[in-house]
Amino acid sequence: MAFDVTRKEKLAALSFLDLPLIDLHIHMGASVAPHVMWSIAHQQGLRLPVRDYWEFLDLITVSENKVHSVEDYLGILHKWTEKIQSSPAAIERCTYEIISKEYRGANVTSIELRFNPMKRNLGGERDLDHIIHAALRGMDQAVLEYGCRAGLIFCMAREFSYELNEIIVDKAIRYHERGVVGIDLAGPETDPIERDPVALERYASLLDRARAAGLGVTIHTGETEQTGPEGVAAAVRRLRPQRIGHGIQAARSPETMKILREEGVVLEICPSSNVWCRTIDGFEGVRETLQRFVEASVPFTINTDGTYLLRTDLMNEFRLLHEHGILRPEQMNECVRRARAASFLA
């Protein structure tokens, strides 16, 4: 069953799945259809390095000879998709297209869409509040048309200064009542704050403010060996997130898995993303990792990370787990129910 089969075919192949689905970990920059991105780029008069649509498709999606690490994956986002999305009109359309497409194509009726609004304002050339309002308008339109549920998660960036990330948290708090449901810390793990006690303390205070304002907290950590299981443990102990993006390195440490279990922190697992980014050794690696989490009673959910960049959707992720014999139907349904319970959506 390919990514582009009909919704009816997907439903028939996954008839055991407890529908509808919820995606807790999906990035704006990786989830807009290439033909939409192509259209937006031309509307904005952006000069692209390719003239042909099919070359553009290859430019903004993963391939074996192009993506060998998380840094390669993020490079596609930072160099092209974030730039194309950097206007109020573009971000409004992108938000609408993602939510509505996931509803139509993968039976996702609840979605927490995350992005960094400061990476969509061309380094300050665009007004940040205009970018945020545009995203909220796009979300409102999709929710109104399809009757689904959606919220935005604002991503801080590891490569940003603390002061810039503080602005992002301030904006998330300001727009919480309008549809921003959570705060995240994302980006390359090359210089992890999890190993810096001073940075941990500063970000802990910042996230305490976010929690006090009613925002959910999720942290990208433990995706690569650069943070490792020790980084996951440090993030849980000091930053106190309700959820962790990826966190697969925790499977290497019984002690870290014990901490996750005891604190009730839910992992946002993104199988195809980890396979493509080589942070896990193929689907055999996915099997081994998830089996360790199951045996240690570590709570986890299944998510996409980025649909079009990774050529997947949420039903396809469950299909892959099913075809590779990684999780049983009852275990996949438990993931769906756990995602609903762990959602930041009111």
C-alpha atoms as a PDB file:
ATOM      1  CA  MET A   1       0.000   0.000   0.000  1.00  0.00           C
ATOM      2  CA  ALA A   2       1.708   3.185  -1.174  1.00  0.00           C
ATOM      3  CA  PHE A   3       1.504   6.624   0.405  1.00  0.00           C
ATOM      4  CA  ASP A   4      -0.757   7.912  -2.383  1.00  0.00           C
ATOM      5  CA  VAL A   5      -3.449   5.194  -2.317  1.00  0.00           C
ATOM      6  CA  THR A   6      -7.006   6.243  -1.618  1.00  0.00           C
ATOM      7  CA  ARG A   7      -8.400   6.785   1.844  1.00  0.00           C
ATOM      8  CA  LYS A   8     -10.784   3.864   1.292  1.00  0.00           C
ATOM      9  CA  GLU A   9      -7.892   1.506   0.526  1.00  0.00           C
ATOM     10  CA  LYS A  10      -6.017   2.684   3.608  1.00  0.00           C
ATOM     11  CA  LEU A  11      -9.045   2.112   5.824  1.00  0.00           C
ATOM     12  CA  ALA A  12      -9.539  -1.385   4.418  1.00  0.00           C
ATOM     13  CA  ALA A  13      -5.904  -2.334   5.023  1.00  0.00           C
ATOM     14  CA  LEU A  14      -6.005  -1.038   8.608  1.00  0.00           C
ATOM     15  CA  SER A  15      -9.508  -2.102   9.551  1.00  0.00           C
ATOM     16  CA  PHE A  16      -8.301  -3.083  13.038  1.00  0.00           C
ATOM     17  CA  LEU A  17      -7.179   0.479  13.840  1.00  0.00           C
ATOM     18  CA  ASP A  18      -9.117   2.503  16.405  1.00  0.00           C
ATOM     19  CA  LEU A  19     -10.049   5.530  14.294  1.00  0.00           C
ATOM     20  CA  PRO A  20     -10.012   8.491  14.104  1.00  0.00           C
ATOM     21  CA  LEU A  21      -6.317   9.297  14.579  1.00  0.00           C
ATOM     22  CA  ILE A  22      -4.410  12.092  16.307  1.00  0.00           C
ATOM     23  CA  ASP A  23      -0.948  13.374  15.324  1.00  0.00           C
ATOM     24  CA  LEU A  24       0.954  14.966  18.192  1.00  0.00           C
ATOM     25  CA  HIS A  25       4.246  15.547  16.348  1.00  0.00           C
ATOM     26  CA  ILE A  26       4.029  17.074  12.885  1.00  0.00           C
ATOM     27  CA  HIS A  27       6.128  19.983  11.609  1.00  0.00           C
ATOM     28  CA  MET A  28       4.821  22.755   9.378  1.00  0.00           C
ATOM     29  CA  GLY A  29       8.017  22.854   7.333  1.00  0.00           C
ATOM     30  CA  ALA A  30       7.892  19.178   6.424  1.00  0.00           C
ATOM     31  CA  SER A  31       4.203  18.612   5.763  1.00  0.00           C
ATOM     32  CA  VAL A  32       2.959  20.828   2.936  1.00  0.00           C
ATOM     33  CA  ALA A  33       2.346  19.182  -0.434  1.00  0.00           C
ATOM     34  CA  PRO A  34       5.160  19.984  -2.898  1.00  0.00           C
ATOM     35  CA  HIS A  35       2.735  21.303  -5.516  1.00  0.00           C
ATOM     36  CA  VAL A  36       1.423  23.796  -2.940  1.00  0.00           C
ATOM     37  CA  MET A  37       4.970  24.847  -2.044  1.00  0.00           C
ATOM     38  CA  TRP A  38       5.752  25.223  -5.751  1.00  0.00           C
ATOM     39  CA  SER A  39       2.711  27.435  -6.199  1.00  0.00           C
ATOM     40  CA  ILE A  40       3.560  29.597  -3.162  1.00  0.00           C
ATOM     41  CA  ALA A  41       7.151  30.030  -4.313  1.00  0.00           C
ATOM     42  CA  HIS A  42       5.976  31.304  -7.687  1.00  0.00           C
ATOM     43  CA  GLN A  43       3.318  33.564  -6.184  1.00  0.00           C
ATOM     44  CA  GLN A  44       6.012  35.181  -4.045  1.00  0.00           C
ATOM     45  CA  GLY A  45       8.439  35.486  -6.936  1.00  0.00           C
ATOM     46  CA  LEU A  46      11.144  33.468  -5.209  1.00  0.00           C
ATOM     47  CA  ARG A  47      14.132  32.544  -7.290  1.00  0.00           C
ATOM     48  CA  LEU A  48      14.522  28.780  -7.060  1.00  0.00           C
ATOM     49  CA  PRO A  49      17.615  26.738  -8.014  1.00  0.00           C
ATOM     50  CA  VAL A  50      15.481  24.567 -10.323  1.00  0.00           C
ATOM     51  CA  ARG A  51      13.054  25.370 -13.122  1.00  0.00           C
ATOM     52  CA  ASP A  52      11.212  22.070 -13.379  1.00  0.00           C
ATOM     53  CA  TYR A  53       8.561  20.961 -10.870  1.00  0.00           C
ATOM     54  CA  TRP A  54       9.920  17.406 -10.680  1.00  0.00           C
ATOM     55  CA  GLU A  55      13.352  18.728  -9.803  1.00  0.00           C
ATOM     56  CA  PHE A  56      11.688  20.857  -7.134  1.00  0.00           C
ATOM     57  CA  LEU A  57       9.944  17.764  -5.777  1.00  0.00           C
ATOM     58  CA  ASP A  58      13.315  16.090  -5.342  1.00  0.00           C
ATOM     59  CA  LEU A  59      14.703  19.260  -3.762  1.00  0.00           C
ATOM     60  CA  ILE A  60      12.218  19.312  -0.854  1.00  0.00           C
ATOM     61  CA  THR A  61      11.727  15.598  -0.149  1.00  0.00           C
ATOM     62  CA  VAL A  62      14.037  12.940   1.246  1.00  0.00           C
ATOM     63  CA  SER A  63      16.056  10.559  -0.916  1.00  0.00           C
ATOM     64  CA  GLU A  64      18.721   7.940  -0.232  1.00  0.00           C
ATOM     65  CA  ASN A  65      21.578   9.968  -1.683  1.00  0.00           C
ATOM     66  CA  LYS A  66      20.590  13.226   0.014  1.00  0.00           C
ATOM     67  CA  VAL A  67      19.669  12.496   3.646  1.00  0.00           C
ATOM     68  CA  HIS A  68      22.206  10.718   5.826  1.00  0.00           C
ATOM     69  CA  SER A  69      21.554  12.416   9.173  1.00  0.00           C
ATOM     70  CA  VAL A  70      19.217  14.658  11.138  1.00  0.00           C
ATOM     71  CA  GLU A  71      21.336  17.615  10.015  1.00  0.00           C
ATOM     72  CA  ASP A  72      20.717  16.740   6.342  1.00  0.00           C
ATOM     73  CA  TYR A  73      16.992  16.481   7.032  1.00  0.00           C
ATOM     74  CA  LEU A  74      16.920  19.829   8.838  1.00  0.00           C
ATOM     75  CA  GLY A  75      18.952  21.355   6.029  1.00  0.00           C
ATOM     76  CA  ILE A  76      16.053  20.838   3.607  1.00  0.00           C
ATOM     77  CA  LEU A  77      13.739  22.644   6.016  1.00  0.00           C
ATOM     78  CA  HIS A  78      16.034  25.544   6.790  1.00  0.00           C
ATOM     79  CA  LYS A  79      17.208  26.171   3.229  1.00  0.00           C
ATOM     80  CA  TRP A  80      13.941  25.863   1.342  1.00  0.00           C
ATOM     81  CA  THR A  81      10.639  25.073   3.010  1.00  0.00           C
ATOM     82  CA  GLU A  82      10.929  27.621   5.821  1.00  0.00           C
ATOM     83  CA  LYS A  83      11.942  30.305   3.339  1.00  0.00           C
ATOM     84  CA  ILE A  84       9.022  29.555   1.022  1.00  0.00           C
ATOM     85  CA  GLN A  85       6.632  29.691   3.985  1.00  0.00           C
ATOM     86  CA  SER A  86       7.932  33.066   5.195  1.00  0.00           C
ATOM     87  CA  SER A  87       5.000  35.401   4.637  1.00  0.00           C
ATOM     88  CA  PRO A  88       1.565  35.767   6.247  1.00  0.00           C
ATOM     89  CA  ALA A  89      -0.184  34.587   3.071  1.00  0.00           C
ATOM     90  CA  ALA A  90       2.100  31.563   2.763  1.00  0.00           C
ATOM     91  CA  ILE A  91       1.817  30.486   6.394  1.00  0.00           C
ATOM     92  CA  GLU A  92      -1.965  30.822   6.345  1.00  0.00           C
ATOM     93  CA  ARG A  93      -2.266  28.609   3.298  1.00  0.00           C
ATOM     94  CA  CYS A  94       0.252  26.075   4.617  1.00  0.00           C
ATOM     95  CA  THR A  95      -1.540  25.710   7.939  1.00  0.00           C
ATOM     96  CA  TYR A  96      -4.868  25.211   6.205  1.00  0.00           C
ATOM     97  CA  GLU A  97      -3.478  22.732   3.676  1.00  0.00           C
ATOM     98  CA  ILE A  98      -1.795  20.508   6.288  1.00  0.00           C
ATOM     99  CA  ILE A  99      -4.761  20.196   8.641  1.00  0.00           C
ATOM    100  CA  SER A 100      -7.308  19.660   5.879  1.00  0.00           C
ATOM    101  CA  LYS A 101      -5.155  17.188   3.942  1.00  0.00           C
ATOM    102  CA  GLU A 102      -4.401  15.046   6.993  1.00  0.00           C
ATOM    103  CA  TYR A 103      -8.121  14.910   7.741  1.00  0.00           C
ATOM    104  CA  ARG A 104      -9.028  13.921   4.196  1.00  0.00           C
ATOM    105  CA  GLY A 105      -6.149  11.569   3.513  1.00  0.00           C
ATOM    106  CA  ALA A 106      -5.323   9.884   6.821  1.00  0.00           C
ATOM    107  CA  ASN A 107      -8.403  10.219   9.042  1.00  0.00           C
ATOM    108  CA  VAL A 108      -6.521  12.554  11.409  1.00  0.00           C
ATOM    109  CA  THR A 109      -9.270  14.471  13.193  1.00  0.00           C
ATOM    110  CA  SER A 110      -7.010  16.003  15.869  1.00  0.00           C
ATOM    111  CA  ILE A 111      -3.646  17.546  15.083  1.00  0.00           C
ATOM    112  CA  GLU A 112      -1.031  19.535  16.972  1.00  0.00           C
ATOM    113  CA  LEU A 113       0.915  21.371  14.301  1.00  0.00           C
ATOM    114  CA  ARG A 114       4.283  22.762  15.336  1.00  0.00           C
ATOM    115  CA  PHE A 115       6.534  25.415  13.850  1.00  0.00           C
ATOM    116  CA  ASN A 116       8.890  28.221  14.779  1.00  0.00           C
ATOM    117  CA  PRO A 117       7.194  31.515  13.843  1.00  0.00           C
ATOM    118  CA  MET A 118      10.521  33.344  14.064  1.00  0.00           C
ATOM    119  CA  LYS A 119      11.857  31.154  11.233  1.00  0.00           C
ATOM    120  CA  ARG A 120       8.988  32.451   9.055  1.00  0.00           C
ATOM    121  CA  ASN A 121       9.611  36.197   9.417  1.00  0.00           C
ATOM    122  CA  LEU A 122      12.782  36.486   7.290  1.00  0.00           C
ATOM    123  CA  GLY A 123      14.977  37.475  10.189  1.00  0.00           C
ATOM    124  CA  GLY A 124      12.631  40.208  11.326  1.00  0.00           C
ATOM    125  CA  GLU A 125      11.633  41.583   7.912  1.00  0.00           C
ATOM    126  CA  ARG A 126       8.117  40.256   8.491  1.00  0.00           C
ATOM    127  CA  ASP A 127       6.169  41.138  11.606  1.00  0.00           C
ATOM    128  CA  LEU A 128       6.034  38.150  13.965  1.00  0.00           C
ATOM    129  CA  ASP A 129       2.456  38.800  15.095  1.00  0.00           C
ATOM    130  CA  HIS A 130       1.277  38.903  11.489  1.00  0.00           C
ATOM    131  CA  ILE A 131       2.851  35.476  10.915  1.00  0.00           C
ATOM    132  CA  ILE A 132       1.144  34.073  14.016  1.00  0.00           C
ATOM    133  CA  HIS A 133      -2.259  35.565  13.156  1.00  0.00           C
ATOM    134  CA  ALA A 134      -1.990  34.114   9.656  1.00  0.00           C
ATOM    135  CA  ALA A 135      -1.303  30.617  11.024  1.00  0.00           C
ATOM    136  CA  LEU A 136      -4.295  30.923  13.339  1.00  0.00           C
ATOM    137  CA  ARG A 137      -6.529  32.026  10.450  1.00  0.00           C
ATOM    138  CA  GLY A 138      -5.456  29.016   8.394  1.00  0.00           C
ATOM    139  CA  MET A 139      -6.132  26.725  11.340  1.00  0.00           C
ATOM    140  CA  ASP A 140      -9.547  28.279  11.939  1.00  0.00           C
ATOM    141  CA  GLN A 141     -10.552  27.804   8.324  1.00  0.00           C
ATOM    142  CA  ALA A 142      -9.576  24.117   8.285  1.00  0.00           C
ATOM    143  CA  VAL A 143     -11.317  23.441  11.595  1.00  0.00           C
ATOM    144  CA  LEU A 144     -14.471  25.208  10.409  1.00  0.00           C
ATOM    145  CA  GLU A 145     -14.600  23.370   7.092  1.00  0.00           C
ATOM    146  CA  TYR A 146     -13.789  19.863   8.330  1.00  0.00           C
ATOM    147  CA  GLY A 147     -14.987  19.842  11.931  1.00  0.00           C
ATOM    148  CA  CYS A 148     -11.609  18.607  13.161  1.00  0.00           C
ATOM    149  CA  ARG A 149      -9.623  19.752  16.203  1.00  0.00           C
ATOM    150  CA  ALA A 150      -6.286  21.509  15.944  1.00  0.00           C
ATOM    151  CA  GLY A 151      -3.787  23.535  17.913  1.00  0.00           C
ATOM    152  CA  LEU A 152      -0.396  25.105  17.304  1.00  0.00           C
ATOM    153  CA  ILE A 153       2.842  24.329  19.134  1.00  0.00           C
ATOM    154  CA  PHE A 154       5.552  26.995  18.931  1.00  0.00           C
ATOM    155  CA  CYS A 155       9.090  25.639  18.629  1.00  0.00           C
ATOM    156  CA  MET A 156      12.024  27.311  20.290  1.00  0.00           C
ATOM    157  CA  ALA A 157      15.303  26.658  18.461  1.00  0.00           C
ATOM    158  CA  ARG A 158      18.411  25.162  20.036  1.00  0.00           C
ATOM    159  CA  GLU A 159      20.519  27.320  17.736  1.00  0.00           C
ATOM    160  CA  PHE A 160      18.773  30.523  18.872  1.00  0.00           C
ATOM    161  CA  SER A 161      19.885  32.665  21.775  1.00  0.00           C
ATOM    162  CA  TYR A 162      17.980  32.380  25.035  1.00  0.00           C
ATOM    163  CA  GLU A 163      16.594  35.882  24.444  1.00  0.00           C
ATOM    164  CA  LEU A 164      15.076  34.954  21.074  1.00  0.00           C
ATOM    165  CA  ASN A 165      13.559  31.790  22.519  1.00  0.00           C
ATOM    166  CA  GLU A 166      12.090  33.823  25.362  1.00  0.00           C
ATOM    167  CA  ILE A 167      10.234  35.926  22.785  1.00  0.00           C
ATOM    168  CA  ILE A 168       8.771  32.749  21.271  1.00  0.00           C
ATOM    169  CA  VAL A 169       7.525  31.622  24.687  1.00  0.00           C
ATOM    170  CA  ASP A 170       6.067  35.079  25.316  1.00  0.00           C
ATOM    171  CA  LYS A 171       4.180  34.881  22.015  1.00  0.00           C
ATOM    172  CA  ALA A 172       2.911  31.383  22.814  1.00  0.00           C
ATOM    173  CA  ILE A 173       1.584  32.622  26.153  1.00  0.00           C
ATOM    174  CA  ARG A 174       0.000  35.670  24.501  1.00  0.00           C
ATOM    175  CA  TYR A 175      -1.835  33.540  21.933  1.00  0.00           C
ATOM    176  CA  HIS A 176      -2.681  30.610  24.180  1.00  0.00           C
ATOM    177  CA  GLU A 177      -6.368  31.514  24.370  1.00  0.00           C
ATOM    178  CA  ARG A 178      -6.424  31.866  20.607  1.00  0.00           C
ATOM    179  CA  GLY A 179      -5.184  28.374  19.727  1.00  0.00           C
ATOM    180  CA  VAL A 180      -1.531  27.963  20.692  1.00  0.00           C
ATOM    181  CA  VAL A 181      -1.509  24.878  22.905  1.00  0.00           C
ATOM    182  CA  GLY A 182       2.137  24.118  23.602  1.00  0.00           C
ATOM    183  CA  ILE A 183       5.810  25.008  23.510  1.00  0.00           C
ATOM    184  CA  ASP A 184       8.654  22.886  22.164  1.00  0.00           C
ATOM    185  CA  LEU A 185      12.448  23.000  21.978  1.00  0.00           C
ATOM    186  CA  ALA A 186      13.674  21.731  18.607  1.00  0.00           C
ATOM    187  CA  GLY A 187      16.711  21.859  16.352  1.00  0.00           C
ATOM    188  CA  PRO A 188      20.050  20.095  15.964  1.00  0.00           C
ATOM    189  CA  GLU A 189      21.426  18.334  19.044  1.00  0.00           C
ATOM    190  CA  THR A 190      25.010  19.310  18.235  1.00  0.00           C
ATOM    191  CA  ASP A 191      25.431  21.385  21.411  1.00  0.00           C
ATOM    192  CA  PRO A 192      22.776  19.969  23.748  1.00  0.00           C
ATOM    193  CA  ILE A 193      21.554  22.153  26.609  1.00  0.00           C
ATOM    194  CA  GLU A 194      20.864  18.893  28.440  1.00  0.00           C
ATOM    195  CA  ARG A 195      24.604  18.768  29.180  1.00  0.00           C
ATOM    196  CA  ASP A 196      24.796  22.406  30.315  1.00  0.00           C
ATOM    197  CA  PRO A 197      23.529  22.903  33.902  1.00  0.00           C
ATOM    198  CA  VAL A 198      23.330  26.701  33.511  1.00  0.00           C
ATOM    199  CA  ALA A 199      21.275  26.469  30.297  1.00  0.00           C
ATOM    200  CA  LEU A 200      19.045  23.823  31.854  1.00  0.00           C
ATOM    201  CA  GLU A 201      18.240  26.113  34.769  1.00  0.00           C
ATOM    202  CA  ARG A 202      17.429  29.071  32.518  1.00  0.00           C
ATOM    203  CA  TYR A 203      15.170  27.031  30.251  1.00  0.00           C
ATOM    204  CA  ALA A 204      13.533  25.332  33.219  1.00  0.00           C
ATOM    205  CA  SER A 205      12.432  28.751  34.501  1.00  0.00           C
ATOM    206  CA  LEU A 206      11.178  29.718  31.041  1.00  0.00           C
ATOM    207  CA  LEU A 207       9.160  26.520  30.694  1.00  0.00           C
ATOM    208  CA  ASP A 208       7.750  26.969  34.193  1.00  0.00           C
ATOM    209  CA  ARG A 209       6.252  30.234  32.933  1.00  0.00           C
ATOM    210  CA  ALA A 210       4.778  28.462  29.927  1.00  0.00           C
ATOM    211  CA  ARG A 211       3.220  25.764  32.119  1.00  0.00           C
ATOM    212  CA  ALA A 212       1.815  28.350  34.537  1.00  0.00           C
ATOM    213  CA  ALA A 213       0.066  29.997  31.567  1.00  0.00           C
ATOM    214  CA  GLY A 214      -1.602  26.687  30.648  1.00  0.00           C
ATOM    215  CA  LEU A 215       0.677  25.602  27.800  1.00  0.00           C
ATOM    216  CA  GLY A 216       1.769  22.015  27.305  1.00  0.00           C
ATOM    217  CA  VAL A 217       5.508  21.341  27.166  1.00  0.00           C
ATOM    218  CA  THR A 218       7.244  18.922  24.809  1.00  0.00           C
ATOM    219  CA  ILE A 219      10.993  18.714  24.158  1.00  0.00           C
ATOM    220  CA  HIS A 220      12.938  17.287  21.214  1.00  0.00           C
ATOM    221  CA  THR A 221      15.632  15.251  22.917  1.00  0.00           C
ATOM    222  CA  GLY A 222      17.299  11.869  22.654  1.00  0.00           C
ATOM    223  CA  GLU A 223      16.909  11.716  18.895  1.00  0.00           C
ATOM    224  CA  THR A 224      20.657  11.269  18.360  1.00  0.00           C
ATOM    225  CA  GLU A 225      23.623   9.939  20.294  1.00  0.00           C
ATOM    226  CA  GLN A 226      24.730  13.531  20.883  1.00  0.00           C
ATOM    227  CA  THR A 227      22.215  13.805  23.703  1.00  0.00           C
ATOM    228  CA  GLY A 228      21.971  10.104  24.464  1.00  0.00           C
ATOM    229  CA  PRO A 229      19.857   8.599  27.252  1.00  0.00           C
ATOM    230  CA  GLU A 230      21.567  10.840  29.806  1.00  0.00           C
ATOM    231  CA  GLY A 231      20.244  13.899  27.981  1.00  0.00           C
ATOM    232  CA  VAL A 232      16.722  12.481  28.030  1.00  0.00           C
ATOM    233  CA  ALA A 233      16.975  11.895  31.777  1.00  0.00           C
ATOM    234  CA  ALA A 234      18.307  15.422  32.364  1.00  0.00           C
ATOM    235  CA  ALA A 235      15.492  16.950  30.303  1.00  0.00           C
ATOM    236  CA  VAL A 236      12.841  15.007  32.218  1.00  0.00           C
ATOM    237  CA  ARG A 237      14.277  15.824  35.630  1.00  0.00           C
ATOM    238  CA  ARG A 238      14.871  19.549  35.083  1.00  0.00           C
ATOM    239  CA  LEU A 239      12.626  20.702  32.216  1.00  0.00           C
ATOM    240  CA  ARG A 240       9.680  18.522  33.283  1.00  0.00           C
ATOM    241  CA  PRO A 241       7.988  18.058  29.887  1.00  0.00           C
ATOM    242  CA  GLN A 242       4.739  16.134  29.589  1.00  0.00           C
ATOM    243  CA  ARG A 243       6.002  14.693  26.320  1.00  0.00           C
ATOM    244  CA  ILE A 244       9.301  14.157  24.515  1.00  0.00           C
ATOM    245  CA  GLY A 245       9.801  14.343  20.769  1.00  0.00           C
ATOM    246  CA  HIS A 246      11.550  11.153  19.609  1.00  0.00           C
ATOM    247  CA  GLY A 247      13.510  10.168  22.753  1.00  0.00           C
ATOM    248  CA  ILE A 248      14.627   6.925  21.135  1.00  0.00           C
ATOM    249  CA  GLN A 249      18.034   7.053  22.833  1.00  0.00           C
ATOM    250  CA  ALA A 250      16.276   6.292  26.101  1.00  0.00           C
ATOM    251  CA  ALA A 251      15.919   2.685  24.939  1.00  0.00           C
ATOM    252  CA  ARG A 252      19.658   2.243  25.583  1.00  0.00           C
ATOM    253  CA  SER A 253      19.294   2.872  29.327  1.00  0.00           C
ATOM    254  CA  PRO A 254      17.091   0.935  31.773  1.00  0.00           C
ATOM    255  CA  GLU A 255      17.538   3.793  34.266  1.00  0.00           C
ATOM    256  CA  THR A 256      16.307   6.427  31.809  1.00  0.00           C
ATOM    257  CA  MET A 257      13.347   4.251  30.830  1.00  0.00           C
ATOM    258  CA  LYS A 258      12.539   3.879  34.530  1.00  0.00           C
ATOM    259  CA  ILE A 259      12.520   7.683  34.888  1.00  0.00           C
ATOM    260  CA  LEU A 260      10.216   8.069  31.879  1.00  0.00           C
ATOM    261  CA  ARG A 261       7.845   5.434  33.236  1.00  0.00           C
ATOM    262  CA  GLU A 262       7.753   6.835  36.766  1.00  0.00           C
ATOM    263  CA  GLU A 263       7.258  10.430  35.575  1.00  0.00           C
ATOM    264  CA  GLY A 264       4.622   9.407  33.027  1.00  0.00           C
ATOM    265  CA  VAL A 265       6.388  11.240  30.198  1.00  0.00           C
ATOM    266  CA  VAL A 266       4.977  10.216  26.821  1.00  0.00           C
ATOM    267  CA  LEU A 267       7.327   9.732  23.863  1.00  0.00           C
ATOM    268  CA  GLU A 268       6.336  11.024  20.424  1.00  0.00           C
ATOM    269  CA  ILE A 269       7.790   8.298  18.202  1.00  0.00           C
ATOM    270  CA  CYS A 270       8.184   9.073  14.475  1.00  0.00           C
ATOM    271  CA  PRO A 271       9.296   5.802  12.817  1.00  0.00           C
ATOM    272  CA  SER A 272       9.910   6.882   9.208  1.00  0.00           C
ATOM    273  CA  SER A 273      11.707  10.032  10.322  1.00  0.00           C
ATOM    274  CA  ASN A 274      14.140   8.058  12.470  1.00  0.00           C
ATOM    275  CA  VAL A 275      14.771   5.565   9.675  1.00  0.00           C
ATOM    276  CA  TRP A 276      15.365   8.235   7.021  1.00  0.00           C
ATOM    277  CA  CYS A 277      17.610  10.297   9.318  1.00  0.00           C
ATOM    278  CA  ARG A 278      19.676   7.199  10.195  1.00  0.00           C
ATOM    279  CA  THR A 279      19.143   7.703  13.931  1.00  0.00           C
ATOM    280  CA  ILE A 280      17.864   4.156  14.033  1.00  0.00           C
ATOM    281  CA  ASP A 281      18.961   1.117  12.016  1.00  0.00           C
ATOM    282  CA  GLY A 282      16.030   0.608   9.676  1.00  0.00           C
ATOM    283  CA  PHE A 283      12.761  -0.935  10.737  1.00  0.00           C
ATOM    284  CA  GLU A 284      14.617  -3.678  12.580  1.00  0.00           C
ATOM    285  CA  GLY A 285      15.962  -0.879  14.747  1.00  0.00           C
ATOM    286  CA  VAL A 286      12.440   0.469  15.179  1.00  0.00           C
ATOM    287  CA  ARG A 287      11.323  -3.012  16.267  1.00  0.00           C
ATOM    288  CA  GLU A 288      14.122  -3.346  18.822  1.00  0.00           C
ATOM    289  CA  THR A 289      13.577   0.147  20.225  1.00  0.00           C
ATOM    290  CA  LEU A 290       9.809  -0.116  20.569  1.00  0.00           C
ATOM    291  CA  GLN A 291      10.087  -3.600  22.052  1.00  0.00           C
ATOM    292  CA  ARG A 292      12.341  -2.242  24.779  1.00  0.00           C
ATOM    293  CA  PHE A 293       9.829   0.502  25.503  1.00  0.00           C
ATOM    294  CA  VAL A 294       6.984  -2.022  25.637  1.00  0.00           C
ATOM    295  CA  GLU A 295       8.912  -4.297  28.012  1.00  0.00           C
ATOM    296  CA  ALA A 296       9.822  -1.328  30.250  1.00  0.00           C
ATOM    297  CA  SER A 297       6.243   0.067  30.147  1.00  0.00           C
ATOM    298  CA  VAL A 298       7.456   3.377  28.689  1.00  0.00           C
ATOM    299  CA  PRO A 299       4.441   5.209  27.214  1.00  0.00           C
ATOM    300  CA  PHE A 300       4.787   6.175  23.547  1.00  0.00           C
ATOM    301  CA  THR A 301       2.679   7.362  20.627  1.00  0.00           C
ATOM    302  CA  ILE A 302       3.077   7.121  16.843  1.00  0.00           C
ATOM    303  CA  ASN A 303       3.402  10.278  14.755  1.00  0.00           C
ATOM    304  CA  THR A 304       4.648  11.492  11.369  1.00  0.00           C
ATOM    305  CA  ASP A 305       7.172  14.312  12.040  1.00  0.00           C
ATOM    306  CA  GLY A 306       6.802  15.484   8.443  1.00  0.00           C
ATOM    307  CA  THR A 307       4.380  13.980   5.955  1.00  0.00           C
ATOM    308  CA  TYR A 308       5.357  15.159   2.488  1.00  0.00           C
ATOM    309  CA  LEU A 309       9.072  15.612   3.102  1.00  0.00           C
ATOM    310  CA  LEU A 310       9.146  11.986   4.320  1.00  0.00           C
ATOM    311  CA  ARG A 311       6.521  10.782   1.818  1.00  0.00           C
ATOM    312  CA  THR A 312       4.236   9.436   4.518  1.00  0.00           C
ATOM    313  CA  ASP A 313       1.135  10.118   6.585  1.00  0.00           C
ATOM    314  CA  LEU A 314      -0.123   8.782   9.906  1.00  0.00           C
ATOM    315  CA  MET A 315      -2.007   5.830   8.463  1.00  0.00           C
ATOM    316  CA  ASN A 316       1.109   4.909   6.516  1.00  0.00           C
ATOM    317  CA  GLU A 317       3.164   4.936   9.721  1.00  0.00           C
ATOM    318  CA  PHE A 318       0.784   2.428  11.297  1.00  0.00           C
ATOM    319  CA  ARG A 319       0.775   0.426   8.084  1.00  0.00           C
ATOM    320  CA  LEU A 320       4.586   0.156   8.201  1.00  0.00           C
ATOM    321  CA  LEU A 321       4.510  -0.993  11.825  1.00  0.00           C
ATOM    322  CA  HIS A 322       1.879  -3.581  10.905  1.00  0.00           C
ATOM    323  CA  GLU A 323       3.630  -4.906   7.786  1.00  0.00           C
ATOM    324  CA  HIS A 324       6.986  -5.172   9.572  1.00  0.00           C
ATOM    325  CA  GLY A 325       5.331  -6.974  12.494  1.00  0.00           C
ATOM    326  CA  ILE A 326       6.654  -4.390  14.939  1.00  0.00           C
ATOM    327  CA  LEU A 327       3.466  -3.794  16.949  1.00  0.00           C
ATOM    328  CA  ARG A 328       0.340  -5.880  17.329  1.00  0.00           C
ATOM    329  CA  PRO A 329      -3.056  -4.324  16.503  1.00  0.00           C
ATOM    330  CA  GLU A 330      -3.936  -3.952  20.190  1.00  0.00           C
ATOM    331  CA  GLN A 331      -0.609  -2.205  20.837  1.00  0.00           C
ATOM    332  CA  MET A 332      -1.207   0.221  17.970  1.00  0.00           C
ATOM    333  CA  ASN A 333      -4.680   0.980  19.271  1.00  0.00           C
ATOM    334  CA  GLU A 334      -3.179   1.655  22.691  1.00  0.00           C
ATOM    335  CA  CYS A 335      -0.865   4.180  21.013  1.00  0.00           C
ATOM    336  CA  VAL A 336      -3.886   5.937  19.508  1.00  0.00           C
ATOM    337  CA  ARG A 337      -5.714   6.054  22.834  1.00  0.00           C
ATOM    338  CA  ARG A 338      -2.576   7.251  24.615  1.00  0.00           C
ATOM    339  CA  ALA A 339      -2.141  10.046  22.068  1.00  0.00           C
ATOM    340  CA  ARG A 340      -5.668  11.253  22.745  1.00  0.00           C
ATOM    341  CA  ALA A 341      -5.014  11.243  26.492  1.00  0.00           C
ATOM    342  CA  ALA A 342      -1.645  13.015  26.114  1.00  0.00           C
ATOM    343  CA  SER A 343      -2.913  15.726  23.765  1.00  0.00           C
ATOM    344  CA  PHE A 344      -2.538  19.393  24.702  1.00  0.00           C
ATOM    345  CA  LEU A 345      -5.870  20.128  23.002  1.00  0.00           C
ATOM    346  CA  ALA A 346      -8.556  21.065  25.525  1.00  0.00           C
END
